[in-house]
């Protein structure tokens, strides 16, 4: 192997290492939207072998309630040839579903034809929970400020706690 080939090989290993250790789910597809690559972080996150995620197999990791919407958005991006994003719940290796921000960007050839798509999925579960929590707090404070009955305010407060901790059940007892 020549020095140039060794340097290229080392460069390719470094690039692969970088892509595999990015703390996000990195992927690529052909022009038709069929997955042809996922990074190691993606594999570790969903706990599935790469062979199972290829083509449209990645859909097995999507929450059933989000699958139709996400695939509709993905197909519309493919048809439009434009970058885009969506949010959906992905099943983690431990079985928990978490919200991810999915971003896709096309690569065009010299004639403007799409030759490949590249994407990045980022876990946004903590951000979504914080947004919901803040909205709930605001709602409770608005209820207090508008003079809502105490029982209604406490009921709303209980709902806020139950949403924050799914295994928590709150109630108001006279």
Protein backbone atom coordinates (compact mmCIF):
# COMPACT_ATOMS: atom_id res chain seq x y z
CA UNK A 1 0.00 0.00 0.00
CA UNK A 2 1.43 3.36 -1.01
CA UNK A 3 1.85 6.30 1.35
CA UNK A 4 -1.08 8.09 -0.30
CA UNK A 5 -3.30 5.02 0.12
CA UNK A 6 -2.29 4.69 3.78
CA UNK A 7 -3.03 8.38 4.38
CA UNK A 8 -6.42 8.05 2.69
CA UNK A 9 -7.21 4.93 4.69
CA UNK A 10 -6.27 6.68 7.95
CA UNK A 11 -8.34 9.70 6.94
CA UNK A 12 -11.34 7.46 6.23
CA UNK A 13 -10.95 5.75 9.62
CA UNK A 14 -10.79 9.15 11.34
CA UNK A 15 -13.89 10.32 9.50
CA UNK A 16 -15.79 7.13 10.38
CA UNK A 17 -14.72 7.47 14.02
CA UNK A 18 -15.92 11.07 14.07
CA UNK A 19 -19.29 10.19 12.52
CA UNK A 20 -19.77 7.22 14.87
CA UNK A 21 -19.03 9.22 18.02
CA UNK A 22 -21.12 12.32 17.23
CA UNK A 23 -23.71 12.42 20.05
CA UNK A 24 -26.61 12.25 17.59
CA UNK A 25 -28.16 9.73 15.24
CA UNK A 26 -26.49 10.29 11.85
CA UNK A 27 -27.83 8.67 8.69
CA UNK A 28 -27.87 8.84 4.92
CA UNK A 29 -30.18 7.60 2.20
CA UNK A 30 -30.20 7.22 -1.53
CA UNK A 31 -32.10 9.71 -3.68
CA UNK A 32 -35.28 7.68 -3.15
CA UNK A 33 -35.11 8.04 0.65
CA UNK A 34 -34.06 4.45 1.39
CA UNK A 35 -31.58 4.35 4.29
CA UNK A 36 -28.13 3.12 3.32
CA UNK A 37 -26.09 4.18 6.38
CA UNK A 38 -26.57 4.79 10.11
CA UNK A 39 -23.79 5.66 12.54
CA UNK A 40 -22.84 3.62 15.60
CA UNK A 41 -24.62 6.05 17.95
CA UNK A 42 -27.85 5.42 16.00
CA UNK A 43 -27.39 1.65 16.34
CA UNK A 44 -26.65 1.93 20.06
CA UNK A 45 -29.61 4.28 20.63
CA UNK A 46 -32.26 2.10 18.99
CA UNK A 47 -30.58 -1.21 19.85
CA UNK A 48 -31.16 -2.71 16.41
CA UNK A 49 -28.68 -4.12 13.88
CA UNK A 50 -27.91 -1.93 10.88
CA UNK A 51 -29.39 -4.52 8.50
CA UNK A 52 -32.79 -4.08 10.15
CA UNK A 53 -32.68 -0.28 9.71
CA UNK A 54 -31.76 -0.24 6.03
CA UNK A 55 -34.23 0.77 3.32
CA UNK A 56 -37.39 1.74 5.26
CA UNK A 57 -36.66 -0.59 8.20
CA UNK A 58 -35.88 2.42 10.40
CA UNK A 59 -39.64 2.90 10.76
CA UNK A 60 -39.74 0.01 13.27
CA UNK A 61 -38.16 2.35 15.84
CA UNK A 62 -40.86 5.05 15.46
CA UNK A 63 -43.77 5.38 17.89
CA UNK A 64 -46.90 4.03 16.17
CA UNK A 65 -48.75 7.32 16.76
CA UNK A 66 -45.97 9.29 14.99
CA UNK A 67 -45.18 6.92 12.12
CA UNK A 68 -47.74 8.12 9.60
CA UNK A 69 -46.94 11.80 10.16
CA UNK A 70 -43.19 11.31 9.99
CA UNK A 71 -43.30 9.18 6.83
CA UNK A 72 -45.65 11.71 5.21
CA UNK A 73 -43.21 14.53 5.97
CA UNK A 74 -40.25 12.45 4.78
CA UNK A 75 -41.98 11.57 1.49
CA UNK A 76 -42.90 15.24 0.94
CA UNK A 77 -39.28 16.29 1.50
CA UNK A 78 -38.11 13.68 -0.99
CA UNK A 79 -40.67 14.91 -3.53
CA UNK A 80 -39.79 18.59 -2.98
CA UNK A 81 -36.04 18.07 -2.85
CA UNK A 82 -35.78 20.58 -0.02
CA UNK A 83 -34.23 20.39 3.43
CA UNK A 84 -36.61 19.94 6.30
CA UNK A 85 -37.23 18.75 9.79
CA UNK A 86 -39.80 16.96 11.90
CA UNK A 87 -40.25 15.69 15.44
CA UNK A 88 -41.19 12.13 16.36
CA UNK A 89 -40.78 9.65 19.16
CA UNK A 90 -38.14 6.97 18.62
CA UNK A 91 -37.87 3.80 20.71
CA UNK A 92 -34.62 3.62 22.58
CA UNK A 93 -32.81 0.32 23.15
CA UNK A 94 -34.36 0.12 26.65
CA UNK A 95 -37.89 0.36 25.18
CA UNK A 96 -38.54 3.98 26.21
CA UNK A 97 -39.85 6.31 23.53
CA UNK A 98 -38.19 9.72 23.40
CA UNK A 99 -38.78 12.75 21.21
CA UNK A 100 -36.17 13.35 18.52
CA UNK A 101 -35.74 16.26 16.13
CA UNK A 102 -35.12 14.78 12.67
CA UNK A 103 -33.32 16.99 10.15
CA UNK A 104 -32.66 16.06 6.53
CA UNK A 105 -30.60 17.76 3.85
CA UNK A 106 -30.28 16.71 0.19
CA UNK A 107 -27.03 16.53 -1.77
CA UNK A 108 -27.43 17.61 -5.39
CA UNK A 109 -25.23 16.82 -8.37
CA UNK A 110 -24.07 19.43 -10.89
CA UNK A 111 -27.41 19.21 -12.71
CA UNK A 112 -29.46 19.80 -9.57
CA UNK A 113 -30.57 16.18 -9.19
CA UNK A 114 -30.64 14.71 -5.71
CA UNK A 115 -28.02 11.99 -5.36
CA UNK A 116 -28.20 11.45 -1.61
CA UNK A 117 -29.85 12.63 1.58
CA UNK A 118 -28.02 13.21 4.86
CA UNK A 119 -29.70 13.48 8.21
CA UNK A 120 -29.21 14.03 11.88
CA UNK A 121 -31.62 13.05 14.66
CA UNK A 122 -31.19 14.77 18.02
CA UNK A 123 -32.84 13.76 21.30
CA UNK A 124 -35.07 16.67 22.42
CA UNK A 125 -37.07 14.86 25.12
CA UNK A 126 -35.71 17.01 27.96
CA UNK A 127 -36.45 20.22 26.06
CA UNK A 128 -40.03 19.10 25.30
CA UNK A 129 -40.62 18.16 28.93
CA UNK A 130 -39.32 21.55 30.08
CA UNK A 131 -41.60 23.33 27.58
CA UNK A 132 -44.63 21.35 28.78
CA UNK A 133 -43.72 22.01 32.40
CA UNK A 134 -43.41 25.77 31.80
CA UNK A 135 -46.72 25.85 29.91
CA UNK A 136 -48.40 23.98 32.78
CA UNK A 137 -46.94 26.36 35.37
CA UNK A 138 -48.14 29.33 33.33
CA UNK A 139 -51.63 27.84 33.10
CA UNK A 140 -51.81 27.31 36.88
CA UNK A 141 -50.58 30.85 37.56
CA UNK A 142 -53.16 32.26 35.12
CA UNK A 143 -55.87 30.31 36.91
CA UNK A 144 -54.77 31.76 40.26
CA UNK A 145 -54.55 35.30 38.85
CA UNK A 146 -58.04 35.07 37.32
CA UNK A 147 -59.58 33.88 40.59
CA UNK A 148 -60.46 30.34 39.53
CA UNK A 149 -61.87 28.14 42.32
CA UNK A 150 -59.19 26.56 44.51
CA UNK A 151 -60.35 23.04 43.65
CA UNK A 152 -59.82 23.75 39.90
CA UNK A 153 -56.36 25.23 40.55
CA UNK A 154 -55.35 22.24 42.66
CA UNK A 155 -56.70 19.82 40.05
CA UNK A 156 -54.61 21.56 37.38
CA UNK A 157 -51.60 21.40 39.69
CA UNK A 158 -52.15 17.67 40.17
CA UNK A 159 -52.28 17.16 36.39
CA UNK A 160 -49.02 19.08 36.06
CA UNK A 161 -47.30 16.78 38.57
CA UNK A 162 -48.75 13.65 36.94
CA UNK A 163 -47.41 14.75 33.54
CA UNK A 164 -43.96 15.38 35.03
CA UNK A 165 -43.82 11.96 36.68
CA UNK A 166 -45.82 9.34 34.79
CA UNK A 167 -45.78 6.95 37.76
CA UNK A 168 -47.19 9.63 40.10
CA UNK A 169 -50.90 9.94 40.85
CA UNK A 170 -52.21 13.03 42.62
CA UNK A 171 -55.59 13.81 44.06
CA UNK A 172 -57.46 16.33 46.16
CA UNK A 173 -59.35 15.04 49.15
CA UNK A 174 -61.63 17.07 51.44
